[in-house]
Amino acid sequence: MRRAERIAALLRAALDPERIEVSDDSAAHHGHAGFDVDGSHFHVTLISARFSGQSRPARHRLVYDALASMFPDEIHALTLQLRAPGEVTGATEARTQRRR
């Protein structure tokens, strides 16, 4: 199983997301510290009811706890976009405002 697939599987098991996307951004970091041809830099977009009422740091802790077995040997860098169902991003909200 590739690392991005393993990340998605671990997060699905721990957080039961409505939506999950995991992208391997490692190629953009070729030659930098922590680069690994098997993947080491990842971006996760995740929507889960588990994030409802949770602060940003609490959401990050839930993700880091779910992926603890992969740090630091398999994941060098991780960027996260974490939302609860019904939350909108600033860009989505701006598009909605323009349509009114």
PDB file of N, CA and C in Angstrom:
ATOM      1  N   MET A   1       0.858  -1.180   0.000  1.00  0.00           N
ATOM      2  CA  MET A   1       0.000   0.000   0.000  1.00  0.00           C
ATOM      3  C   MET A   1       0.901   1.239   0.000  1.00  0.00           C
ATOM      4  N   ARG A   2       0.609   2.171  -0.896  1.00  0.00           N
ATOM      5  CA  ARG A   2       1.368   3.417  -0.952  1.00  0.00           C
ATOM      6  C   ARG A   2       1.064   4.254   0.283  1.00  0.00           C
ATOM      7  N   ARG A   3       1.986   5.144   0.613  1.00  0.00           N
ATOM      8  CA  ARG A   3       1.821   5.945   1.835  1.00  0.00           C
ATOM      9  C   ARG A   3       0.562   6.800   1.808  1.00  0.00           C
ATOM     10  N   ALA A   4       0.260   7.430   0.692  1.00  0.00           N
ATOM     11  CA  ALA A   4      -0.954   8.259   0.623  1.00  0.00           C
ATOM     12  C   ALA A   4      -2.199   7.412   0.873  1.00  0.00           C
ATOM     13  N   GLU A   5      -2.205   6.198   0.341  1.00  0.00           N
ATOM     14  CA  GLU A   5      -3.340   5.295   0.563  1.00  0.00           C
ATOM     15  C   GLU A   5      -3.410   4.871   2.024  1.00  0.00           C
ATOM     16  N   ARG A   6      -2.256   4.644   2.624  1.00  0.00           N
ATOM     17  CA  ARG A   6      -2.227   4.259   4.049  1.00  0.00           C
ATOM     18  C   ARG A   6      -2.716   5.407   4.928  1.00  0.00           C
ATOM     19  N   ILE A   7      -2.301   6.639   4.601  1.00  0.00           N
ATOM     20  CA  ILE A   7      -2.776   7.807   5.340  1.00  0.00           C
ATOM     21  C   ILE A   7      -4.298   7.871   5.261  1.00  0.00           C
ATOM     22  N   ALA A   8      -4.851   7.728   4.062  1.00  0.00           N
ATOM     23  CA  ALA A   8      -6.307   7.785   3.882  1.00  0.00           C
ATOM     24  C   ALA A   8      -6.995   6.677   4.668  1.00  0.00           C
ATOM     25  N   ALA A   9      -6.435   5.472   4.643  1.00  0.00           N
ATOM     26  CA  ALA A   9      -7.051   4.348   5.360  1.00  0.00           C
ATOM     27  C   ALA A   9      -7.053   4.587   6.870  1.00  0.00           C
ATOM     28  N   LEU A  10      -5.953   5.071   7.405  1.00  0.00           N
ATOM     29  CA  LEU A  10      -5.875   5.341   8.843  1.00  0.00           C
ATOM     30  C   LEU A  10      -6.854   6.438   9.256  1.00  0.00           C
ATOM     31  N   LEU A  11      -6.955   7.481   8.435  1.00  0.00           N
ATOM     32  CA  LEU A  11      -7.868   8.582   8.758  1.00  0.00           C
ATOM     33  C   LEU A  11      -9.325   8.161   8.611  1.00  0.00           C
ATOM     34  N   ARG A  12      -9.622   7.321   7.626  1.00  0.00           N
ATOM     35  CA  ARG A  12     -10.999   6.806   7.495  1.00  0.00           C
ATOM     36  C   ARG A  12     -11.382   5.999   8.743  1.00  0.00           C
ATOM     37  N   ALA A  13     -10.481   5.159   9.196  1.00  0.00           N
ATOM     38  CA  ALA A  13     -10.761   4.318  10.363  1.00  0.00           C
ATOM     39  C   ALA A  13     -10.952   5.149  11.631  1.00  0.00           C
ATOM     40  N   ALA A  14     -10.167   6.202  11.779  1.00  0.00           N
ATOM     41  CA  ALA A  14     -10.208   6.987  13.017  1.00  0.00           C
ATOM     42  C   ALA A  14     -11.274   8.076  13.013  1.00  0.00           C
ATOM     43  N   LEU A  15     -11.558   8.666  11.843  1.00  0.00           N
ATOM     44  CA  LEU A  15     -12.389   9.869  11.824  1.00  0.00           C
ATOM     45  C   LEU A  15     -13.668   9.761  11.000  1.00  0.00           C
ATOM     46  N   ASP A  16     -13.903   8.641  10.356  1.00  0.00           N
ATOM     47  CA  ASP A  16     -15.122   8.407   9.582  1.00  0.00           C
ATOM     48  C   ASP A  16     -15.511   9.642   8.758  1.00  0.00           C
ATOM     49  N   PRO A  17     -14.627  10.083   7.856  1.00  0.00           N
ATOM     50  CA  PRO A  17     -14.883  11.335   7.135  1.00  0.00           C
ATOM     51  C   PRO A  17     -15.978  11.230   6.087  1.00  0.00           C
ATOM     52  N   GLU A  18     -16.634  12.364   5.858  1.00  0.00           N
ATOM     53  CA  GLU A  18     -17.583  12.478   4.745  1.00  0.00           C
ATOM     54  C   GLU A  18     -16.814  12.623   3.439  1.00  0.00           C
ATOM     55  N   ARG A  19     -15.658  13.259   3.532  1.00  0.00           N
ATOM     56  CA  ARG A  19     -14.810  13.486   2.362  1.00  0.00           C
ATOM     57  C   ARG A  19     -13.364  13.449   2.805  1.00  0.00           C
ATOM     58  N   ILE A  20     -12.521  12.820   1.990  1.00  0.00           N
ATOM     59  CA  ILE A  20     -11.087  12.813   2.266  1.00  0.00           C
ATOM     60  C   ILE A  20     -10.331  12.821   0.953  1.00  0.00           C
ATOM     61  N   GLU A  21      -9.309  13.648   0.903  1.00  0.00           N
ATOM     62  CA  GLU A  21      -8.389  13.696  -0.227  1.00  0.00           C
ATOM     63  C   GLU A  21      -6.980  13.758   0.343  1.00  0.00           C
ATOM     64  N   VAL A  22      -6.124  12.881  -0.143  1.00  0.00           N
ATOM     65  CA  VAL A  22      -4.725  12.878   0.272  1.00  0.00           C
ATOM     66  C   VAL A  22      -3.885  13.009  -0.985  1.00  0.00           C
ATOM     67  N   SER A  23      -3.053  14.034  -1.036  1.00  0.00           N
ATOM     68  CA  SER A  23      -2.165  14.192  -2.181  1.00  0.00           C
ATOM     69  C   SER A  23      -0.718  14.120  -1.724  1.00  0.00           C
ATOM     70  N   ASP A  24       0.091  13.493  -2.556  1.00  0.00           N
ATOM     71  CA  ASP A  24       1.525  13.354  -2.301  1.00  0.00           C
ATOM     72  C   ASP A  24       2.224  14.506  -3.010  1.00  0.00           C
ATOM     73  N   ASP A  25       2.726  15.451  -2.253  1.00  0.00           N
ATOM     74  CA  ASP A  25       3.399  16.629  -2.793  1.00  0.00           C
ATOM     75  C   ASP A  25       4.916  16.487  -2.762  1.00  0.00           C
ATOM     76  N   SER A  26       5.407  15.280  -2.588  1.00  0.00           N
ATOM     77  CA  SER A  26       6.835  15.040  -2.400  1.00  0.00           C
ATOM     78  C   SER A  26       7.683  15.485  -3.585  1.00  0.00           C
ATOM     79  N   ALA A  27       7.192  15.325  -4.796  1.00  0.00           N
ATOM     80  CA  ALA A  27       7.982  15.681  -5.977  1.00  0.00           C
ATOM     81  C   ALA A  27       8.405  17.151  -5.954  1.00  0.00           C
ATOM     82  N   ALA A  28       7.573  18.004  -5.389  1.00  0.00           N
ATOM     83  CA  ALA A  28       7.894  19.428  -5.301  1.00  0.00           C
ATOM     84  C   ALA A  28       9.013  19.702  -4.305  1.00  0.00           C
ATOM     85  N   HIS A  29       9.381  18.705  -3.515  1.00  0.00           N
ATOM     86  CA  HIS A  29      10.393  18.874  -2.472  1.00  0.00           C
ATOM     87  C   HIS A  29      11.656  18.058  -2.749  1.00  0.00           C
ATOM     88  N   HIS A  30      11.795  17.593  -3.979  1.00  0.00           N
ATOM     89  CA  HIS A  30      12.975  16.815  -4.364  1.00  0.00           C
ATOM     90  C   HIS A  30      14.235  17.615  -4.038  1.00  0.00           C
ATOM     91  N   GLY A  31      15.151  16.994  -3.341  1.00  0.00           N
ATOM     92  CA  GLY A  31      16.395  17.647  -2.957  1.00  0.00           C
ATOM     93  C   GLY A  31      16.335  18.363  -1.622  1.00  0.00           C
ATOM     94  N   HIS A  32      15.156  18.466  -1.037  1.00  0.00           N
ATOM     95  CA  HIS A  32      15.013  19.119   0.269  1.00  0.00           C
ATOM     96  C   HIS A  32      15.113  18.085   1.386  1.00  0.00           C
ATOM     97  N   ALA A  33      15.283  18.570   2.587  1.00  0.00           N
ATOM     98  CA  ALA A  33      15.339  17.689   3.753  1.00  0.00           C
ATOM     99  C   ALA A  33      14.056  16.874   3.863  1.00  0.00           C
ATOM    100  N   GLY A  34      14.195  15.625   4.182  1.00  0.00           N
ATOM    101  CA  GLY A  34      13.046  14.771   4.395  1.00  0.00           C
ATOM    102  C   GLY A  34      12.473  14.168   3.132  1.00  0.00           C
ATOM    103  N   PHE A  35      13.008  14.516   1.946  1.00  0.00           N
ATOM    104  CA  PHE A  35      12.484  13.963   0.702  1.00  0.00           C
ATOM    105  C   PHE A  35      12.699  12.454   0.675  1.00  0.00           C
ATOM    106  N   ASP A  36      11.687  11.752   0.218  1.00  0.00           N
ATOM    107  CA  ASP A  36      11.735  10.293   0.097  1.00  0.00           C
ATOM    108  C   ASP A  36      10.983   9.920  -1.177  1.00  0.00           C
ATOM    109  N   VAL A  37      11.579   9.109  -2.027  1.00  0.00           N
ATOM    110  CA  VAL A  37      10.933   8.737  -3.292  1.00  0.00           C
ATOM    111  C   VAL A  37       9.614   8.000  -3.060  1.00  0.00           C
ATOM    112  N   ASP A  38       9.424   7.403  -1.895  1.00  0.00           N
ATOM    113  CA  ASP A  38       8.178   6.704  -1.572  1.00  0.00           C
ATOM    114  C   ASP A  38       7.098   7.654  -1.065  1.00  0.00           C
ATOM    115  N   GLY A  39       7.433   8.927  -0.953  1.00  0.00           N
ATOM    116  CA  GLY A  39       6.478   9.922  -0.459  1.00  0.00           C
ATOM    117  C   GLY A  39       6.813  10.331   0.956  1.00  0.00           C
ATOM    118  N   SER A  40       6.841  11.638   1.195  1.00  0.00           N
ATOM    119  CA  SER A  40       7.162  12.139   2.528  1.00  0.00           C
ATOM    120  C   SER A  40       6.445  13.451   2.850  1.00  0.00           C
ATOM    121  N   HIS A  41       5.953  14.137   1.817  1.00  0.00           N
ATOM    122  CA  HIS A  41       5.260  15.417   1.984  1.00  0.00           C
ATOM    123  C   HIS A  41       3.830  15.248   1.472  1.00  0.00           C
ATOM    124  N   PHE A  42       2.862  15.445   2.353  1.00  0.00           N
ATOM    125  CA  PHE A  42       1.471  15.162   1.999  1.00  0.00           C
ATOM    126  C   PHE A  42       0.559  16.327   2.352  1.00  0.00           C
ATOM    127  N   HIS A  43      -0.537  16.432   1.601  1.00  0.00           N
ATOM    128  CA  HIS A  43      -1.592  17.401   1.889  1.00  0.00           C
ATOM    129  C   HIS A  43      -2.883  16.609   2.083  1.00  0.00           C
ATOM    130  N   VAL A  44      -3.594  16.895   3.167  1.00  0.00           N
ATOM    131  CA  VAL A  44      -4.840  16.202   3.479  1.00  0.00           C
ATOM    132  C   VAL A  44      -5.973  17.214   3.578  1.00  0.00           C
ATOM    133  N   THR A  45      -7.049  16.959   2.852  1.00  0.00           N
ATOM    134  CA  THR A  45      -8.297  17.700   2.988  1.00  0.00           C
ATOM    135  C   THR A  45      -9.311  16.713   3.546  1.00  0.00           C
ATOM    136  N   LEU A  46      -9.925  17.068   4.661  1.00  0.00           N
ATOM    137  CA  LEU A  46     -10.800  16.111   5.332  1.00  0.00           C
ATOM    138  C   LEU A  46     -12.000  16.825   5.943  1.00  0.00           C
ATOM    139  N   ILE A  47     -13.182  16.282   5.713  1.00  0.00           N
ATOM    140  CA  ILE A  47     -14.407  16.774   6.340  1.00  0.00           C
ATOM    141  C   ILE A  47     -14.965  15.647   7.201  1.00  0.00           C
ATOM    142  N   SER A  48     -15.111  15.923   8.490  1.00  0.00           N
ATOM    143  CA  SER A  48     -15.581  14.903   9.423  1.00  0.00           C
ATOM    144  C   SER A  48     -16.433  15.532  10.517  1.00  0.00           C
ATOM    145  N   ALA A  49     -17.481  14.831  10.883  1.00  0.00           N
ATOM    146  CA  ALA A  49     -18.325  15.281  11.997  1.00  0.00           C
ATOM    147  C   ALA A  49     -17.538  15.301  13.306  1.00  0.00           C
ATOM    148  N   ARG A  50     -16.463  14.530  13.381  1.00  0.00           N
ATOM    149  CA  ARG A  50     -15.626  14.521  14.594  1.00  0.00           C
ATOM    150  C   ARG A  50     -15.010  15.890  14.866  1.00  0.00           C
ATOM    151  N   PHE A  51     -14.964  16.765  13.845  1.00  0.00           N
ATOM    152  CA  PHE A  51     -14.380  18.089  14.021  1.00  0.00           C
ATOM    153  C   PHE A  51     -15.384  19.125  14.517  1.00  0.00           C
ATOM    154  N   SER A  52     -16.659  18.783  14.562  1.00  0.00           N
ATOM    155  CA  SER A  52     -17.677  19.728  15.017  1.00  0.00           C
ATOM    156  C   SER A  52     -17.380  20.175  16.441  1.00  0.00           C
ATOM    157  N   GLY A  53     -17.347  21.486  16.638  1.00  0.00           N
ATOM    158  CA  GLY A  53     -17.087  22.043  17.960  1.00  0.00           C
ATOM    159  C   GLY A  53     -15.641  21.961  18.413  1.00  0.00           C
ATOM    160  N   GLN A  54     -14.754  21.473  17.554  1.00  0.00           N
ATOM    161  CA  GLN A  54     -13.339  21.326  17.916  1.00  0.00           C
ATOM    162  C   GLN A  54     -12.533  22.522  17.403  1.00  0.00           C
ATOM    163  N   SER A  55     -11.571  22.948  18.187  1.00  0.00           N
ATOM    164  CA  SER A  55     -10.676  24.021  17.758  1.00  0.00           C
ATOM    165  C   SER A  55      -9.717  23.474  16.693  1.00  0.00           C
ATOM    166  N   ARG A  56      -9.052  24.363  16.017  1.00  0.00           N
ATOM    167  CA  ARG A  56      -8.073  23.943  15.001  1.00  0.00           C
ATOM    168  C   ARG A  56      -6.990  23.050  15.613  1.00  0.00           C
ATOM    169  N   PRO A  57      -6.381  23.425  16.752  1.00  0.00           N
ATOM    170  CA  PRO A  57      -5.373  22.534  17.347  1.00  0.00           C
ATOM    171  C   PRO A  57      -5.944  21.160  17.727  1.00  0.00           C
ATOM    172  N   ALA A  58      -7.173  21.120  18.210  1.00  0.00           N
ATOM    173  CA  ALA A  58      -7.787  19.836  18.586  1.00  0.00           C
ATOM    174  C   ALA A  58      -8.000  18.963  17.355  1.00  0.00           C
ATOM    175  N   ARG A  59      -8.391  19.573  16.249  1.00  0.00           N
ATOM    176  CA  ARG A  59      -8.564  18.826  15.002  1.00  0.00           C
ATOM    177  C   ARG A  59      -7.226  18.246  14.543  1.00  0.00           C
ATOM    178  N   HIS A  60      -6.192  19.060  14.609  1.00  0.00           N
ATOM    179  CA  HIS A  60      -4.866  18.596  14.213  1.00  0.00           C
ATOM    180  C   HIS A  60      -4.405  17.435  15.103  1.00  0.00           C
ATOM    181  N   ARG A  61      -4.676  17.532  16.394  1.00  0.00           N
ATOM    182  CA  ARG A  61      -4.291  16.440  17.307  1.00  0.00           C
ATOM    183  C   ARG A  61      -4.980  15.134  16.920  1.00  0.00           C
ATOM    184  N   LEU A  62      -6.264  15.209  16.544  1.00  0.00           N
ATOM    185  CA  LEU A  62      -6.977  14.001  16.127  1.00  0.00           C
ATOM    186  C   LEU A  62      -6.297  13.353  14.918  1.00  0.00           C
ATOM    187  N   VAL A  63      -5.891  14.176  13.959  1.00  0.00           N
ATOM    188  CA  VAL A  63      -5.214  13.652  12.768  1.00  0.00           C
ATOM    189  C   VAL A  63      -3.847  13.090  13.134  1.00  0.00           C
ATOM    190  N   TYR A  64      -3.064  13.847  13.896  1.00  0.00           N
ATOM    191  CA  TYR A  64      -1.732  13.374  14.277  1.00  0.00           C
ATOM    192  C   TYR A  64      -1.808  12.090  15.100  1.00  0.00           C
ATOM    193  N   ASP A  65      -2.784  11.984  15.967  1.00  0.00           N
ATOM    194  CA  ASP A  65      -2.953  10.750  16.742  1.00  0.00           C
ATOM    195  C   ASP A  65      -3.270   9.569  15.826  1.00  0.00           C
ATOM    196  N   ALA A  66      -4.121   9.795  14.822  1.00  0.00           N
ATOM    197  CA  ALA A  66      -4.482   8.721  13.893  1.00  0.00           C
ATOM    198  C   ALA A  66      -3.281   8.269  13.055  1.00  0.00           C
ATOM    199  N   LEU A  67      -2.352   9.190  12.802  1.00  0.00           N
ATOM    200  CA  LEU A  67      -1.195   8.886  11.945  1.00  0.00           C
ATOM    201  C   LEU A  67       0.094   8.673  12.731  1.00  0.00           C
ATOM    202  N   ALA A  68      -0.011   8.538  14.042  1.00  0.00           N
ATOM    203  CA  ALA A  68       1.178   8.448  14.900  1.00  0.00           C
ATOM    204  C   ALA A  68       2.153   7.359  14.461  1.00  0.00           C
ATOM    205  N   SER A  69       1.650   6.255  13.952  1.00  0.00           N
ATOM    206  CA  SER A  69       2.529   5.152  13.551  1.00  0.00           C
ATOM    207  C   SER A  69       3.391   5.494  12.335  1.00  0.00           C
ATOM    208  N   MET A  70       3.040   6.577  11.631  1.00  0.00           N
ATOM    209  CA  MET A  70       3.780   6.950  10.421  1.00  0.00           C
ATOM    210  C   MET A  70       4.805   8.062  10.649  1.00  0.00           C
ATOM    211  N   PHE A  71       4.749   8.689  11.824  1.00  0.00           N
ATOM    212  CA  PHE A  71       5.705   9.760  12.144  1.00  0.00           C
ATOM    213  C   PHE A  71       6.878   9.190  12.900  1.00  0.00           C
ATOM    214  N   PRO A  72       8.092   9.641  12.714  1.00  0.00           N
ATOM    215  CA  PRO A  72       8.601  10.531  11.675  1.00  0.00           C
ATOM    216  C   PRO A  72       9.178   9.774  10.466  1.00  0.00           C
ATOM    217  N   ASP A  73       9.129   8.456  10.506  1.00  0.00           N
ATOM    218  CA  ASP A  73       9.804   7.667   9.470  1.00  0.00           C
ATOM    219  C   ASP A  73       9.159   7.749   8.094  1.00  0.00           C
ATOM    220  N   GLU A  74       7.832   7.901   8.032  1.00  0.00           N
ATOM    221  CA  GLU A  74       7.148   7.872   6.740  1.00  0.00           C
ATOM    222  C   GLU A  74       6.549   9.213   6.329  1.00  0.00           C
ATOM    223  N   ILE A  75       6.316  10.081   7.283  1.00  0.00           N
ATOM    224  CA  ILE A  75       5.781  11.411   6.983  1.00  0.00           C
ATOM    225  C   ILE A  75       6.775  12.441   7.503  1.00  0.00           C
ATOM    226  N   HIS A  76       7.253  13.280   6.584  1.00  0.00           N
ATOM    227  CA  HIS A  76       8.155  14.360   6.976  1.00  0.00           C
ATOM    228  C   HIS A  76       7.377  15.666   7.134  1.00  0.00           C
ATOM    229  N   ALA A  77       6.422  15.902   6.220  1.00  0.00           N
ATOM    230  CA  ALA A  77       5.646  17.142   6.255  1.00  0.00           C
ATOM    231  C   ALA A  77       4.192  16.831   5.926  1.00  0.00           C
ATOM    232  N   LEU A  78       3.296  17.515   6.618  1.00  0.00           N
ATOM    233  CA  LEU A  78       1.871  17.274   6.454  1.00  0.00           C
ATOM    234  C   LEU A  78       1.140  18.610   6.549  1.00  0.00           C
ATOM    235  N   THR A  79       0.416  18.976   5.486  1.00  0.00           N
ATOM    236  CA  THR A  79      -0.432  20.162   5.543  1.00  0.00           C
ATOM    237  C   THR A  79      -1.875  19.688   5.616  1.00  0.00           C
ATOM    238  N   LEU A  80      -2.662  20.385   6.407  1.00  0.00           N
ATOM    239  CA  LEU A  80      -4.016  19.920   6.690  1.00  0.00           C
ATOM    240  C   LEU A  80      -5.053  20.997   6.415  1.00  0.00           C
ATOM    241  N   GLN A  81      -6.132  20.598   5.797  1.00  0.00           N
ATOM    242  CA  GLN A  81      -7.324  21.427   5.654  1.00  0.00           C
ATOM    243  C   GLN A  81      -8.454  20.606   6.251  1.00  0.00           C
ATOM    244  N   LEU A  82      -8.886  20.974   7.448  1.00  0.00           N
ATOM    245  CA  LEU A  82      -9.828  20.169   8.228  1.00  0.00           C
ATOM    246  C   LEU A  82     -11.097  20.963   8.493  1.00  0.00           C
ATOM    247  N   ARG A  83     -12.229  20.369   8.148  1.00  0.00           N
ATOM    248  CA  ARG A  83     -13.515  21.035   8.324  1.00  0.00           C
ATOM    249  C   ARG A  83     -14.538  20.078   8.916  1.00  0.00           C
ATOM    250  N   ALA A  84     -15.514  20.647   9.602  1.00  0.00           N
ATOM    251  CA  ALA A  84     -16.693  19.896  10.025  1.00  0.00           C
ATOM    252  C   ALA A  84     -17.735  20.039   8.918  1.00  0.00           C
ATOM    253  N   PRO A  85     -18.684  19.118   8.835  1.00  0.00           N
ATOM    254  CA  PRO A  85     -19.729  19.246   7.818  1.00  0.00           C
ATOM    255  C   PRO A  85     -20.435  20.594   7.943  1.00  0.00           C
ATOM    256  N   GLY A  86     -20.696  21.227   6.809  1.00  0.00           N
ATOM    257  CA  GLY A  86     -21.393  22.506   6.804  1.00  0.00           C
ATOM    258  C   GLY A  86     -20.485  23.714   6.908  1.00  0.00           C
ATOM    259  N   GLU A  87     -19.249  23.535   7.312  1.00  0.00           N
ATOM    260  CA  GLU A  87     -18.321  24.657   7.347  1.00  0.00           C
ATOM    261  C   GLU A  87     -17.883  24.981   5.928  1.00  0.00           C
ATOM    262  N   VAL A  88     -17.703  26.253   5.675  1.00  0.00           N
ATOM    263  CA  VAL A  88     -17.261  26.665   4.348  1.00  0.00           C
ATOM    264  C   VAL A  88     -15.910  27.340   4.457  1.00  0.00           C
ATOM    265  N   THR A  89     -15.154  27.288   3.380  1.00  0.00           N
ATOM    266  CA  THR A  89     -13.875  27.985   3.348  1.00  0.00           C
ATOM    267  C   THR A  89     -14.128  29.432   2.974  1.00  0.00           C
ATOM    268  N   GLY A  90     -13.164  30.279   3.166  1.00  0.00           N
ATOM    269  CA  GLY A  90     -13.294  31.681   2.803  1.00  0.00           C
ATOM    270  C   GLY A  90     -13.608  31.853   1.329  1.00  0.00           C
ATOM    271  N   ALA A  91     -12.980  31.059   0.458  1.00  0.00           N
ATOM    272  CA  ALA A  91     -13.219  31.160  -0.987  1.00  0.00           C
ATOM    273  C   ALA A  91     -14.659  30.764  -1.318  1.00  0.00           C
ATOM    274  N   THR A  92     -15.160  29.698  -0.679  1.00  0.00           N
ATOM    275  CA  THR A  92     -16.533  29.262  -0.921  1.00  0.00           C
ATOM    276  C   THR A  92     -17.508  30.326  -0.454  1.00  0.00           C
ATOM    277  N   GLU A  93     -17.259  30.900   0.691  1.00  0.00           N
ATOM    278  CA  GLU A  93     -18.129  31.931   1.228  1.00  0.00           C
ATOM    279  C   GLU A  93     -18.124  33.159   0.320  1.00  0.00           C
ATOM    280  N   ALA A  94     -16.958  33.541  -0.208  1.00  0.00           N
ATOM    281  CA  ALA A  94     -16.870  34.702  -1.096  1.00  0.00           C
ATOM    282  C   ALA A  94     -17.668  34.457  -2.368  1.00  0.00           C
ATOM    283  N   ARG A  95     -17.611  33.259  -2.928  1.00  0.00           N
ATOM    284  CA  ARG A  95     -18.387  32.946  -4.135  1.00  0.00           C
ATOM    285  C   ARG A  95     -19.878  33.027  -3.840  1.00  0.00           C
ATOM    286  N   THR A  96     -20.273  32.541  -2.669  1.00  0.00           N
ATOM    287  CA  THR A  96     -21.686  32.579  -2.285  1.00  0.00           C
ATOM    288  C   THR A  96     -22.158  34.027  -2.162  1.00  0.00           C
ATOM    289  N   GLN A  97     -21.341  34.881  -1.549  1.00  0.00           N
ATOM    290  CA  GLN A  97     -21.716  36.292  -1.387  1.00  0.00           C
ATOM    291  C   GLN A  97     -21.878  36.992  -2.729  1.00  0.00           C
ATOM    292  N   ARG A  98     -21.005  36.685  -3.700  1.00  0.00           N
ATOM    293  CA  ARG A  98     -21.067  37.320  -5.012  1.00  0.00           C
ATOM    294  C   ARG A  98     -22.338  36.916  -5.769  1.00  0.00           C
ATOM    295  N   ARG A  99     -22.840  35.729  -5.523  1.00  0.00           N
ATOM    296  CA  ARG A  99     -24.013  35.235  -6.221  1.00  0.00           C
ATOM    297  C   ARG A  99     -25.307  35.873  -5.736  1.00  0.00           C
ATOM    298  N   ARG A 100     -25.307  36.418  -4.562  1.00  0.00           N
ATOM    299  CA  ARG A 100     -26.527  36.990  -3.969  1.00  0.00           C
ATOM    300  C   ARG A 100     -26.916  38.274  -4.608  1.00  0.00           C
TER     301      ARG A 100
END
